[in-house]
N, C-alpha and C. Protein backbone atom coordinates (compact mmCIF):
# COMPACT_ATOMS: atom_id res chain seq x y z
N MET A 1 0.84 -1.20 -0.01
CA MET A 1 -0.01 -0.01 0.00
C MET A 1 0.87 1.26 -0.01
N LYS A 2 0.64 2.14 -0.95
CA LYS A 2 1.37 3.37 -1.02
C LYS A 2 0.78 4.40 -0.07
N LYS A 3 1.64 5.06 0.69
CA LYS A 3 1.22 6.05 1.66
C LYS A 3 1.50 7.50 1.21
N LEU A 4 2.38 7.62 0.21
CA LEU A 4 2.77 8.95 -0.26
C LEU A 4 2.84 8.94 -1.79
N ILE A 5 2.15 9.89 -2.43
CA ILE A 5 2.23 10.08 -3.87
C ILE A 5 2.90 11.41 -4.14
N ILE A 6 4.00 11.38 -4.88
CA ILE A 6 4.75 12.59 -5.21
C ILE A 6 4.55 12.87 -6.69
N PHE A 7 4.04 14.05 -7.00
CA PHE A 7 3.73 14.39 -8.37
C PHE A 7 4.73 15.37 -8.95
N ASP A 8 5.06 15.17 -10.22
CA ASP A 8 5.66 16.22 -11.03
C ASP A 8 4.59 17.29 -11.23
N PHE A 9 4.95 18.46 -11.69
CA PHE A 9 3.99 19.55 -11.85
C PHE A 9 3.58 19.73 -13.32
N ASP A 10 4.51 20.28 -14.12
CA ASP A 10 4.22 20.56 -15.53
C ASP A 10 4.02 19.26 -16.30
N GLY A 11 2.91 19.17 -17.00
CA GLY A 11 2.67 17.99 -17.81
C GLY A 11 2.08 16.81 -17.04
N THR A 12 1.95 16.96 -15.73
CA THR A 12 1.40 15.90 -14.89
C THR A 12 0.14 16.36 -14.17
N LEU A 13 0.27 17.43 -13.39
CA LEU A 13 -0.90 18.02 -12.73
C LEU A 13 -1.51 19.13 -13.59
N PHE A 14 -0.62 20.00 -14.11
CA PHE A 14 -1.07 21.18 -14.86
C PHE A 14 -0.59 21.16 -16.30
N ASN A 15 -1.46 21.60 -17.20
CA ASN A 15 -1.06 21.81 -18.59
C ASN A 15 -0.57 23.23 -18.73
N THR A 16 0.70 23.43 -18.54
CA THR A 16 1.30 24.77 -18.65
C THR A 16 1.90 25.02 -20.01
N MET A 17 1.87 24.01 -20.88
CA MET A 17 2.58 24.10 -22.14
C MET A 17 2.14 25.25 -23.06
N PRO A 18 0.84 25.55 -23.18
CA PRO A 18 0.45 26.66 -24.05
C PRO A 18 1.12 27.99 -23.64
N ASP A 19 1.18 28.29 -22.36
CA ASP A 19 1.81 29.53 -21.90
C ASP A 19 3.31 29.44 -22.03
N VAL A 20 3.90 28.29 -21.72
CA VAL A 20 5.34 28.12 -21.86
C VAL A 20 5.77 28.31 -23.30
N ALA A 21 5.07 27.69 -24.22
CA ALA A 21 5.42 27.79 -25.64
C ALA A 21 5.25 29.23 -26.14
N ASN A 22 4.22 29.91 -25.70
CA ASN A 22 4.00 31.28 -26.10
C ASN A 22 5.13 32.19 -25.62
N CYS A 23 5.56 32.04 -24.38
CA CYS A 23 6.61 32.87 -23.82
C CYS A 23 7.98 32.55 -24.44
N LEU A 24 8.22 31.26 -24.72
CA LEU A 24 9.47 30.89 -25.39
C LEU A 24 9.50 31.49 -26.79
N ASP A 25 8.38 31.48 -27.46
CA ASP A 25 8.27 32.04 -28.83
C ASP A 25 8.67 33.53 -28.80
N ILE A 26 8.14 34.25 -27.84
CA ILE A 26 8.42 35.69 -27.75
C ILE A 26 9.88 35.93 -27.42
N ALA A 27 10.45 35.13 -26.50
CA ALA A 27 11.85 35.31 -26.12
C ALA A 27 12.78 35.02 -27.27
N LEU A 28 12.53 33.96 -28.02
CA LEU A 28 13.37 33.64 -29.17
C LEU A 28 13.30 34.74 -30.25
N LYS A 29 12.10 35.21 -30.49
CA LYS A 29 11.88 36.24 -31.50
C LYS A 29 12.61 37.53 -31.12
N LYS A 30 12.59 37.87 -29.85
CA LYS A 30 13.23 39.09 -29.38
C LYS A 30 14.73 39.08 -29.64
N HIS A 31 15.33 37.89 -29.57
CA HIS A 31 16.78 37.78 -29.80
C HIS A 31 17.10 37.25 -31.19
N ASN A 32 16.12 37.29 -32.09
CA ASN A 32 16.32 36.91 -33.50
C ASN A 32 16.77 35.46 -33.70
N PHE A 33 16.28 34.57 -32.85
CA PHE A 33 16.55 33.15 -33.02
C PHE A 33 15.32 32.51 -33.64
N PRO A 34 15.48 31.42 -34.38
CA PRO A 34 14.34 30.75 -35.01
C PRO A 34 13.30 30.31 -34.00
N GLN A 35 12.04 30.60 -34.31
CA GLN A 35 10.95 30.13 -33.46
C GLN A 35 10.59 28.70 -33.85
N LEU A 36 10.01 27.95 -32.91
CA LEU A 36 9.73 26.55 -33.12
C LEU A 36 8.23 26.29 -33.24
N THR A 37 7.90 25.10 -33.67
CA THR A 37 6.50 24.69 -33.67
C THR A 37 6.11 24.31 -32.26
N TYR A 38 4.81 24.20 -32.03
CA TYR A 38 4.32 23.81 -30.69
C TYR A 38 4.87 22.46 -30.30
N ASN A 39 4.88 21.50 -31.24
CA ASN A 39 5.39 20.16 -30.94
C ASN A 39 6.87 20.20 -30.60
N GLU A 40 7.61 21.05 -31.26
CA GLU A 40 9.05 21.17 -30.96
C GLU A 40 9.26 21.72 -29.55
N TYR A 41 8.42 22.68 -29.16
CA TYR A 41 8.52 23.19 -27.79
C TYR A 41 8.18 22.08 -26.80
N GLU A 42 7.16 21.29 -27.09
CA GLU A 42 6.81 20.18 -26.21
C GLU A 42 7.97 19.20 -26.04
N ASN A 43 8.67 18.93 -27.12
CA ASN A 43 9.78 17.99 -27.06
C ASN A 43 10.99 18.57 -26.37
N ALA A 44 11.02 19.90 -26.21
CA ALA A 44 12.19 20.55 -25.61
C ALA A 44 12.13 20.60 -24.09
N VAL A 45 10.93 20.46 -23.52
CA VAL A 45 10.77 20.59 -22.06
C VAL A 45 11.05 19.26 -21.40
N GLY A 46 11.24 19.32 -20.06
CA GLY A 46 11.44 18.10 -19.29
C GLY A 46 12.58 18.23 -18.29
N GLY A 47 13.53 19.09 -18.57
CA GLY A 47 14.63 19.29 -17.62
C GLY A 47 14.44 20.61 -16.89
N ASP A 48 15.53 21.14 -16.34
CA ASP A 48 15.43 22.45 -15.71
C ASP A 48 15.42 23.52 -16.79
N ILE A 49 15.21 24.78 -16.43
CA ILE A 49 15.00 25.84 -17.39
C ILE A 49 16.24 26.04 -18.30
N THR A 50 17.44 25.85 -17.74
CA THR A 50 18.65 25.99 -18.54
C THR A 50 18.68 24.97 -19.66
N GLN A 51 18.31 23.73 -19.32
CA GLN A 51 18.28 22.65 -20.32
C GLN A 51 17.21 22.90 -21.36
N VAL A 52 16.04 23.42 -20.92
CA VAL A 52 14.98 23.71 -21.86
C VAL A 52 15.40 24.75 -22.88
N ILE A 53 15.99 25.84 -22.38
CA ILE A 53 16.45 26.91 -23.29
C ILE A 53 17.51 26.38 -24.24
N SER A 54 18.41 25.56 -23.73
CA SER A 54 19.43 24.92 -24.60
C SER A 54 18.78 24.12 -25.69
N ASN A 55 17.73 23.38 -25.34
CA ASN A 55 17.04 22.56 -26.33
C ASN A 55 16.37 23.38 -27.42
N VAL A 56 15.73 24.48 -27.01
CA VAL A 56 15.00 25.27 -28.00
C VAL A 56 15.94 26.08 -28.89
N LEU A 57 17.14 26.37 -28.40
CA LEU A 57 18.12 27.11 -29.19
C LEU A 57 18.82 26.22 -30.20
N LYS A 58 18.78 24.92 -29.95
CA LYS A 58 19.41 23.95 -30.86
C LYS A 58 20.87 24.31 -31.12
N GLU A 59 21.27 24.50 -32.36
CA GLU A 59 22.68 24.72 -32.68
C GLU A 59 23.17 26.10 -32.19
N ASN A 60 22.27 26.96 -31.76
CA ASN A 60 22.67 28.26 -31.23
C ASN A 60 22.83 28.27 -29.71
N ASN A 61 22.93 27.08 -29.10
CA ASN A 61 22.91 26.97 -27.65
C ASN A 61 24.28 27.19 -27.01
N THR A 62 24.88 28.33 -27.27
CA THR A 62 26.09 28.71 -26.57
C THR A 62 25.73 29.18 -25.17
N PRO A 63 26.66 29.14 -24.22
CA PRO A 63 26.34 29.60 -22.86
C PRO A 63 25.79 31.02 -22.84
N GLU A 64 26.37 31.89 -23.69
CA GLU A 64 25.92 33.29 -23.72
C GLU A 64 24.49 33.39 -24.22
N ASN A 65 24.16 32.66 -25.29
CA ASN A 65 22.81 32.70 -25.84
C ASN A 65 21.79 32.10 -24.86
N ILE A 66 22.18 31.00 -24.24
CA ILE A 66 21.28 30.37 -23.26
C ILE A 66 20.93 31.35 -22.14
N GLU A 67 21.94 32.03 -21.64
CA GLU A 67 21.72 32.94 -20.51
C GLU A 67 20.82 34.12 -20.87
N LYS A 68 21.07 34.74 -22.05
CA LYS A 68 20.25 35.90 -22.39
C LYS A 68 18.81 35.51 -22.75
N VAL A 69 18.62 34.39 -23.41
CA VAL A 69 17.26 33.95 -23.73
C VAL A 69 16.54 33.48 -22.46
N LYS A 70 17.27 32.82 -21.57
CA LYS A 70 16.66 32.38 -20.32
C LYS A 70 16.19 33.59 -19.48
N THR A 71 17.05 34.60 -19.38
CA THR A 71 16.69 35.81 -18.63
C THR A 71 15.45 36.47 -19.21
N THR A 72 15.43 36.58 -20.54
CA THR A 72 14.29 37.20 -21.20
C THR A 72 13.03 36.37 -21.02
N TYR A 73 13.14 35.08 -21.18
CA TYR A 73 11.97 34.19 -21.03
C TYR A 73 11.40 34.30 -19.62
N GLN A 74 12.25 34.27 -18.62
CA GLN A 74 11.79 34.33 -17.23
C GLN A 74 11.04 35.63 -16.94
N LYS A 75 11.53 36.74 -17.48
CA LYS A 75 10.86 38.02 -17.29
C LYS A 75 9.50 38.03 -17.99
N ILE A 76 9.47 37.48 -19.21
CA ILE A 76 8.21 37.43 -19.96
C ILE A 76 7.20 36.56 -19.23
N TYR A 77 7.64 35.38 -18.79
CA TYR A 77 6.75 34.45 -18.11
C TYR A 77 6.22 35.03 -16.83
N LEU A 78 7.11 35.70 -16.08
CA LEU A 78 6.71 36.29 -14.79
C LEU A 78 5.63 37.36 -14.97
N ASN A 79 5.72 38.12 -16.06
CA ASN A 79 4.77 39.23 -16.28
C ASN A 79 3.61 38.87 -17.19
N ASN A 80 3.58 37.60 -17.60
CA ASN A 80 2.49 37.14 -18.46
C ASN A 80 1.33 36.65 -17.59
N PRO A 81 0.09 36.96 -17.93
CA PRO A 81 -1.02 36.48 -17.11
C PRO A 81 -1.17 34.96 -17.10
N ASN A 82 -0.57 34.28 -18.09
CA ASN A 82 -0.59 32.81 -18.15
C ASN A 82 -2.00 32.23 -17.94
N GLU A 83 -2.93 32.81 -18.67
CA GLU A 83 -4.34 32.41 -18.50
C GLU A 83 -4.67 31.09 -19.22
N LEU A 84 -3.71 30.57 -19.98
CA LEU A 84 -3.95 29.33 -20.70
C LEU A 84 -3.61 28.10 -19.86
N THR A 85 -2.94 28.31 -18.74
CA THR A 85 -2.55 27.20 -17.86
C THR A 85 -3.75 26.67 -17.09
N THR A 86 -3.97 25.35 -17.16
CA THR A 86 -5.11 24.74 -16.49
C THR A 86 -4.72 23.39 -15.92
N LEU A 87 -5.56 22.90 -15.01
CA LEU A 87 -5.43 21.54 -14.51
C LEU A 87 -5.85 20.57 -15.64
N TYR A 88 -5.20 19.42 -15.69
CA TYR A 88 -5.65 18.38 -16.59
C TYR A 88 -7.00 17.82 -16.10
N ASP A 89 -7.82 17.40 -17.03
CA ASP A 89 -9.12 16.82 -16.65
C ASP A 89 -8.94 15.64 -15.73
N GLY A 90 -9.72 15.62 -14.66
CA GLY A 90 -9.70 14.50 -13.73
C GLY A 90 -8.67 14.60 -12.61
N ILE A 91 -7.77 15.56 -12.67
CA ILE A 91 -6.73 15.67 -11.66
C ILE A 91 -7.29 16.11 -10.33
N HIS A 92 -8.19 17.08 -10.33
CA HIS A 92 -8.76 17.56 -9.07
C HIS A 92 -9.48 16.44 -8.34
N GLN A 93 -10.28 15.69 -9.06
CA GLN A 93 -11.02 14.57 -8.47
C GLN A 93 -10.05 13.51 -7.93
N LEU A 94 -8.99 13.23 -8.68
CA LEU A 94 -7.98 12.27 -8.23
C LEU A 94 -7.38 12.70 -6.91
N LEU A 95 -6.96 13.95 -6.81
CA LEU A 95 -6.33 14.46 -5.60
C LEU A 95 -7.30 14.47 -4.43
N GLN A 96 -8.55 14.83 -4.68
CA GLN A 96 -9.54 14.81 -3.62
C GLN A 96 -9.74 13.41 -3.08
N THR A 97 -9.82 12.43 -3.97
CA THR A 97 -10.02 11.03 -3.54
C THR A 97 -8.83 10.51 -2.77
N LEU A 98 -7.61 10.82 -3.25
CA LEU A 98 -6.42 10.37 -2.55
C LEU A 98 -6.36 10.98 -1.14
N GLN A 99 -6.70 12.27 -1.07
CA GLN A 99 -6.70 12.96 0.22
C GLN A 99 -7.74 12.38 1.18
N GLU A 100 -8.90 12.08 0.66
CA GLU A 100 -9.97 11.48 1.48
C GLU A 100 -9.58 10.10 2.02
N ASN A 101 -8.67 9.44 1.29
CA ASN A 101 -8.21 8.13 1.70
C ASN A 101 -6.89 8.19 2.47
N ASN A 102 -6.59 9.38 2.97
CA ASN A 102 -5.41 9.60 3.84
C ASN A 102 -4.09 9.26 3.16
N ILE A 103 -4.02 9.48 1.85
CA ILE A 103 -2.77 9.36 1.13
C ILE A 103 -2.04 10.70 1.19
N ASN A 104 -0.80 10.69 1.63
CA ASN A 104 -0.01 11.93 1.66
C ASN A 104 0.33 12.38 0.23
N LEU A 105 0.29 13.68 -0.01
CA LEU A 105 0.54 14.23 -1.31
C LEU A 105 1.72 15.23 -1.28
N ALA A 106 2.52 15.21 -2.34
CA ALA A 106 3.65 16.12 -2.44
C ALA A 106 3.91 16.44 -3.91
N ILE A 107 4.68 17.50 -4.14
CA ILE A 107 5.08 17.89 -5.50
C ILE A 107 6.59 18.04 -5.55
N ASN A 108 7.19 17.50 -6.58
CA ASN A 108 8.64 17.67 -6.82
C ASN A 108 8.82 18.07 -8.26
N SER A 109 9.31 19.29 -8.48
CA SER A 109 9.37 19.87 -9.82
C SER A 109 10.64 20.72 -10.00
N ASN A 110 11.02 20.96 -11.26
CA ASN A 110 12.10 21.88 -11.55
C ASN A 110 11.58 23.30 -11.70
N ARG A 111 10.28 23.49 -11.62
CA ARG A 111 9.69 24.86 -11.69
C ARG A 111 9.95 25.54 -10.32
N LYS A 112 9.98 26.87 -10.32
CA LYS A 112 10.17 27.60 -9.07
C LYS A 112 9.05 27.31 -8.08
N THR A 113 9.42 27.14 -6.83
CA THR A 113 8.45 26.79 -5.80
C THR A 113 7.35 27.83 -5.70
N GLU A 114 7.70 29.11 -5.81
CA GLU A 114 6.69 30.17 -5.70
C GLU A 114 5.63 30.04 -6.80
N SER A 115 6.09 29.66 -7.99
CA SER A 115 5.16 29.48 -9.11
C SER A 115 4.23 28.31 -8.86
N ILE A 116 4.79 27.22 -8.36
CA ILE A 116 3.96 26.03 -8.06
C ILE A 116 2.90 26.39 -7.03
N LYS A 117 3.28 27.10 -5.98
CA LYS A 117 2.36 27.46 -4.93
C LYS A 117 1.29 28.41 -5.42
N TYR A 118 1.63 29.25 -6.37
CA TYR A 118 0.65 30.17 -6.97
C TYR A 118 -0.48 29.38 -7.61
N TYR A 119 -0.11 28.37 -8.43
CA TYR A 119 -1.11 27.62 -9.16
C TYR A 119 -1.88 26.65 -8.25
N THR A 120 -1.22 26.07 -7.25
CA THR A 120 -1.94 25.17 -6.36
C THR A 120 -2.93 25.97 -5.51
N SER A 121 -2.55 27.19 -5.13
CA SER A 121 -3.48 28.03 -4.36
C SER A 121 -4.66 28.46 -5.20
N LYS A 122 -4.41 28.71 -6.48
CA LYS A 122 -5.45 29.19 -7.37
C LYS A 122 -6.43 28.10 -7.75
N PHE A 123 -5.93 26.89 -8.05
CA PHE A 123 -6.77 25.84 -8.56
C PHE A 123 -7.03 24.69 -7.57
N LEU A 124 -6.20 24.57 -6.55
CA LEU A 124 -6.28 23.42 -5.65
C LEU A 124 -6.27 23.84 -4.19
N ASN A 125 -7.01 24.87 -3.85
CA ASN A 125 -6.95 25.38 -2.47
C ASN A 125 -7.59 24.46 -1.46
N ASP A 126 -8.28 23.41 -1.92
CA ASP A 126 -8.85 22.44 -1.00
C ASP A 126 -7.97 21.20 -0.83
N ILE A 127 -6.81 21.21 -1.50
CA ILE A 127 -5.90 20.07 -1.44
C ILE A 127 -4.68 20.45 -0.62
N THR A 128 -4.28 19.53 0.28
CA THR A 128 -3.10 19.80 1.13
C THR A 128 -1.93 18.99 0.59
N PHE A 129 -0.89 19.68 0.17
CA PHE A 129 0.35 19.04 -0.23
C PHE A 129 1.32 19.14 0.95
N ASN A 130 1.72 18.01 1.47
CA ASN A 130 2.62 18.02 2.64
C ASN A 130 3.92 18.76 2.35
N TYR A 131 4.42 18.54 1.16
CA TYR A 131 5.67 19.21 0.76
C TYR A 131 5.58 19.60 -0.71
N ILE A 132 6.09 20.80 -1.02
CA ILE A 132 6.23 21.25 -2.39
C ILE A 132 7.71 21.64 -2.57
N ARG A 133 8.37 20.92 -3.45
CA ARG A 133 9.80 21.17 -3.67
C ARG A 133 9.99 21.56 -5.14
N GLY A 134 10.44 22.83 -5.34
CA GLY A 134 10.72 23.31 -6.67
C GLY A 134 12.19 23.58 -6.86
N ASN A 135 12.51 24.37 -7.86
CA ASN A 135 13.90 24.69 -8.15
C ASN A 135 14.58 25.34 -6.95
N ASN A 136 15.75 24.83 -6.63
CA ASN A 136 16.56 25.37 -5.54
C ASN A 136 18.00 25.53 -6.04
N PRO A 137 18.53 26.77 -6.05
CA PRO A 137 19.88 26.98 -6.58
C PRO A 137 20.95 26.21 -5.84
N ASN A 138 20.66 25.74 -4.63
CA ASN A 138 21.63 25.01 -3.85
C ASN A 138 21.53 23.49 -4.04
N ILE A 139 20.54 23.05 -4.86
CA ILE A 139 20.32 21.63 -5.09
C ILE A 139 20.24 21.40 -6.60
N LEU A 140 20.88 20.37 -7.08
CA LEU A 140 20.82 20.06 -8.51
C LEU A 140 19.38 19.77 -8.91
N PRO A 141 18.97 20.14 -10.11
CA PRO A 141 17.60 19.87 -10.56
C PRO A 141 17.39 18.38 -10.87
N LYS A 142 16.15 17.99 -11.02
CA LYS A 142 15.87 16.63 -11.49
C LYS A 142 16.61 16.41 -12.81
N PRO A 143 17.18 15.23 -13.01
CA PRO A 143 16.90 13.96 -12.33
C PRO A 143 17.71 13.70 -11.06
N ASP A 144 18.40 14.71 -10.54
CA ASP A 144 19.02 14.53 -9.21
C ASP A 144 17.90 14.21 -8.20
N PRO A 145 18.10 13.20 -7.35
CA PRO A 145 17.01 12.75 -6.46
C PRO A 145 16.94 13.45 -5.11
N THR A 146 17.77 14.47 -4.88
CA THR A 146 17.88 15.08 -3.55
C THR A 146 16.54 15.55 -3.03
N ASN A 147 15.80 16.34 -3.79
CA ASN A 147 14.51 16.85 -3.32
C ASN A 147 13.54 15.73 -3.03
N LEU A 148 13.53 14.74 -3.89
CA LEU A 148 12.62 13.60 -3.71
C LEU A 148 12.96 12.85 -2.43
N LEU A 149 14.27 12.63 -2.20
CA LEU A 149 14.68 11.92 -0.99
C LEU A 149 14.41 12.74 0.27
N ASN A 150 14.54 14.06 0.14
CA ASN A 150 14.22 14.94 1.30
C ASN A 150 12.74 14.85 1.66
N ILE A 151 11.87 14.76 0.64
CA ILE A 151 10.45 14.63 0.90
C ILE A 151 10.17 13.34 1.65
N LEU A 152 10.80 12.26 1.23
CA LEU A 152 10.62 10.97 1.91
C LEU A 152 11.09 11.03 3.36
N LYS A 153 12.25 11.64 3.55
CA LYS A 153 12.84 11.73 4.88
C LYS A 153 11.95 12.53 5.82
N LYS A 154 11.48 13.67 5.36
CA LYS A 154 10.64 14.53 6.20
C LYS A 154 9.26 13.90 6.42
N SER A 155 8.80 13.10 5.48
CA SER A 155 7.52 12.43 5.63
C SER A 155 7.61 11.19 6.49
N ASN A 156 8.84 10.76 6.73
CA ASN A 156 9.08 9.53 7.52
C ASN A 156 8.38 8.35 6.86
N ILE A 157 8.51 8.28 5.56
CA ILE A 157 7.88 7.21 4.77
C ILE A 157 8.96 6.44 4.01
N LYS A 158 8.85 5.13 4.01
CA LYS A 158 9.83 4.28 3.35
C LYS A 158 9.69 4.40 1.83
N LYS A 159 10.78 4.13 1.13
CA LYS A 159 10.77 4.24 -0.34
C LYS A 159 9.69 3.37 -0.96
N GLU A 160 9.54 2.16 -0.43
CA GLU A 160 8.58 1.24 -1.02
C GLU A 160 7.13 1.65 -0.75
N GLU A 161 6.93 2.63 0.13
CA GLU A 161 5.60 3.13 0.44
C GLU A 161 5.26 4.39 -0.36
N ALA A 162 6.19 4.79 -1.23
CA ALA A 162 6.01 6.02 -2.02
C ALA A 162 5.87 5.70 -3.51
N LEU A 163 5.24 6.60 -4.22
CA LEU A 163 5.06 6.47 -5.67
C LEU A 163 5.29 7.83 -6.31
N TYR A 164 6.12 7.84 -7.33
CA TYR A 164 6.39 9.10 -8.05
C TYR A 164 5.62 9.08 -9.38
N VAL A 165 4.94 10.18 -9.68
CA VAL A 165 4.12 10.27 -10.90
C VAL A 165 4.61 11.45 -11.75
N GLY A 166 4.98 11.15 -12.98
CA GLY A 166 5.49 12.20 -13.86
C GLY A 166 5.13 11.92 -15.31
N ASP A 167 5.71 12.72 -16.23
CA ASP A 167 5.36 12.58 -17.65
C ASP A 167 6.54 12.45 -18.58
N THR A 168 7.77 12.66 -18.09
CA THR A 168 8.91 12.63 -19.00
C THR A 168 10.00 11.69 -18.50
N ASN A 169 10.98 11.47 -19.34
CA ASN A 169 12.10 10.59 -18.97
C ASN A 169 12.87 11.15 -17.78
N VAL A 170 12.85 12.48 -17.62
CA VAL A 170 13.50 13.10 -16.46
C VAL A 170 12.87 12.58 -15.18
N ASP A 171 11.55 12.39 -15.21
CA ASP A 171 10.85 11.89 -14.03
C ASP A 171 11.21 10.43 -13.77
N VAL A 172 11.33 9.66 -14.84
CA VAL A 172 11.71 8.26 -14.70
C VAL A 172 13.10 8.17 -14.08
N GLU A 173 14.03 8.98 -14.58
CA GLU A 173 15.40 8.96 -14.06
C GLU A 173 15.45 9.44 -12.62
N THR A 174 14.64 10.44 -12.29
CA THR A 174 14.59 10.95 -10.89
C THR A 174 14.14 9.86 -9.95
N SER A 175 13.05 9.20 -10.27
CA SER A 175 12.53 8.15 -9.41
C SER A 175 13.52 6.98 -9.33
N GLN A 176 14.14 6.66 -10.44
CA GLN A 176 15.11 5.56 -10.45
C GLN A 176 16.32 5.90 -9.58
N ASN A 177 16.78 7.14 -9.67
CA ASN A 177 17.93 7.57 -8.84
C ASN A 177 17.61 7.55 -7.36
N ALA A 178 16.32 7.76 -7.04
CA ALA A 178 15.90 7.76 -5.64
C ALA A 178 15.50 6.39 -5.17
N GLY A 179 15.32 5.45 -6.09
CA GLY A 179 14.88 4.10 -5.70
C GLY A 179 13.41 4.05 -5.35
N VAL A 180 12.61 4.88 -6.05
CA VAL A 180 11.17 4.96 -5.78
C VAL A 180 10.40 4.49 -7.02
N ASP A 181 9.29 3.79 -6.82
CA ASP A 181 8.47 3.34 -7.93
C ASP A 181 7.91 4.53 -8.71
N CYS A 182 7.70 4.32 -10.00
CA CYS A 182 7.29 5.41 -10.89
C CYS A 182 6.14 4.99 -11.79
N VAL A 183 5.18 5.90 -11.98
CA VAL A 183 4.12 5.77 -12.94
C VAL A 183 4.17 6.96 -13.87
N ILE A 184 4.05 6.72 -15.18
CA ILE A 184 4.10 7.79 -16.16
C ILE A 184 2.73 8.04 -16.74
N VAL A 185 2.40 9.34 -16.93
CA VAL A 185 1.10 9.71 -17.51
C VAL A 185 1.28 10.00 -18.99
N LYS A 186 0.25 9.71 -19.76
CA LYS A 186 0.32 9.88 -21.21
C LYS A 186 -0.09 11.29 -21.65
N TRP A 187 -0.72 12.06 -20.76
CA TRP A 187 -1.27 13.35 -21.22
C TRP A 187 -0.26 14.49 -21.17
N GLY A 188 0.96 14.24 -20.74
CA GLY A 188 1.96 15.30 -20.67
C GLY A 188 2.82 15.44 -21.90
N GLN A 189 4.08 15.84 -21.71
CA GLN A 189 4.96 16.10 -22.84
C GLN A 189 5.98 14.99 -23.11
N GLY A 190 5.89 13.91 -22.35
CA GLY A 190 6.90 12.86 -22.52
C GLY A 190 6.64 11.93 -23.70
N ASN A 191 7.68 11.19 -24.07
CA ASN A 191 7.58 10.19 -25.11
C ASN A 191 8.02 8.86 -24.49
N GLU A 192 7.05 8.01 -24.18
CA GLU A 192 7.37 6.79 -23.44
C GLU A 192 8.31 5.85 -24.21
N LYS A 193 8.42 6.02 -25.51
CA LYS A 193 9.31 5.17 -26.31
C LYS A 193 10.77 5.38 -25.90
N ASN A 194 11.06 6.56 -25.38
CA ASN A 194 12.45 6.89 -24.99
C ASN A 194 12.73 6.66 -23.51
N MET A 195 11.80 6.02 -22.82
CA MET A 195 11.95 5.86 -21.39
C MET A 195 12.44 4.46 -21.00
N ASN A 196 13.02 4.40 -19.80
CA ASN A 196 13.49 3.12 -19.27
C ASN A 196 12.29 2.32 -18.79
N LYS A 197 11.78 1.44 -19.62
CA LYS A 197 10.59 0.67 -19.30
C LYS A 197 10.80 -0.22 -18.05
N ASN A 198 12.05 -0.62 -17.81
CA ASN A 198 12.31 -1.52 -16.69
C ASN A 198 12.02 -0.91 -15.34
N HIS A 199 12.03 0.42 -15.26
CA HIS A 199 11.79 1.08 -13.97
C HIS A 199 10.34 1.54 -13.79
N ILE A 200 9.58 1.63 -14.90
CA ILE A 200 8.22 2.16 -14.85
C ILE A 200 7.26 1.05 -14.41
N MET A 201 6.48 1.34 -13.35
CA MET A 201 5.45 0.40 -12.91
C MET A 201 4.32 0.30 -13.94
N GLY A 202 4.01 1.46 -14.55
CA GLY A 202 2.96 1.46 -15.53
C GLY A 202 2.80 2.83 -16.19
N VAL A 203 2.08 2.87 -17.29
CA VAL A 203 1.78 4.10 -18.03
C VAL A 203 0.27 4.23 -18.05
N ILE A 204 -0.24 5.40 -17.62
CA ILE A 204 -1.69 5.55 -17.50
C ILE A 204 -2.25 6.58 -18.49
N ASP A 205 -3.47 6.28 -18.94
CA ASP A 205 -4.13 7.15 -19.94
C ASP A 205 -4.96 8.24 -19.30
N LYS A 206 -5.48 7.99 -18.09
CA LYS A 206 -6.30 8.97 -17.41
C LYS A 206 -6.04 8.91 -15.89
N PRO A 207 -6.27 10.01 -15.18
CA PRO A 207 -5.90 10.09 -13.76
C PRO A 207 -6.43 8.95 -12.91
N GLU A 208 -7.69 8.54 -13.13
CA GLU A 208 -8.27 7.50 -12.27
C GLU A 208 -7.54 6.16 -12.40
N ASP A 209 -6.77 6.00 -13.47
CA ASP A 209 -5.99 4.75 -13.63
C ASP A 209 -4.89 4.60 -12.54
N LEU A 210 -4.58 5.70 -11.88
CA LEU A 210 -3.52 5.65 -10.89
C LEU A 210 -3.90 4.80 -9.68
N TYR A 211 -5.20 4.69 -9.38
CA TYR A 211 -5.65 3.99 -8.19
C TYR A 211 -5.11 2.55 -8.15
N SER A 212 -4.99 1.91 -9.29
CA SER A 212 -4.60 0.52 -9.35
C SER A 212 -3.14 0.29 -8.93
N PHE A 213 -2.35 1.38 -8.86
CA PHE A 213 -0.94 1.26 -8.48
C PHE A 213 -0.71 1.61 -7.00
N ILE A 214 -1.77 1.94 -6.29
CA ILE A 214 -1.64 2.38 -4.91
C ILE A 214 -1.80 1.20 -3.92
N GLU A 215 -2.65 0.26 -4.26
CA GLU A 215 -2.92 -0.88 -3.37
C GLU A 215 -1.66 -1.72 -3.17
């Protein structure tokens, strides 16, 4: 029986991709770099923001270019209303049911913690997340397992009692590095063909499919 479910944020709980793609588009255009298609932006996300910017810049991904586009993107995203960001269908009901069944909930993401808390307060104010761990300049980003292991330690829950839920290979690697079981969702930005199938407990099509991995 799983006692703790740790969720990735982008592509797992929230569909942030429309706003992310829009802001990346503006940042690239401002610096006269080629803009990408929506699918290309989807394929570029999954790591920390530096890796994402490197991916979208492709052959132009020098350290200098990455830094200036990243700075511009972060300013644009911060000042953008981001009204296109929404919860995925069925997520709210899933979290409510897990909470009602005394399952501990947490979030582990490469997004800034303040941003995560903004969206959880706006859309999920009836859900209690025991821990929310976002980007920390003093800790390596996912797939480094430090934040995930810290959540387990503070929750006083054994690895075998926890389940990590994400959408990309970065999430698979994070859970594998931490020694925690992993379930991948199909509705995010990941491509399961490129994932380590040996570590994945299962791949789910809709949120309610997660229940079968908790017992």
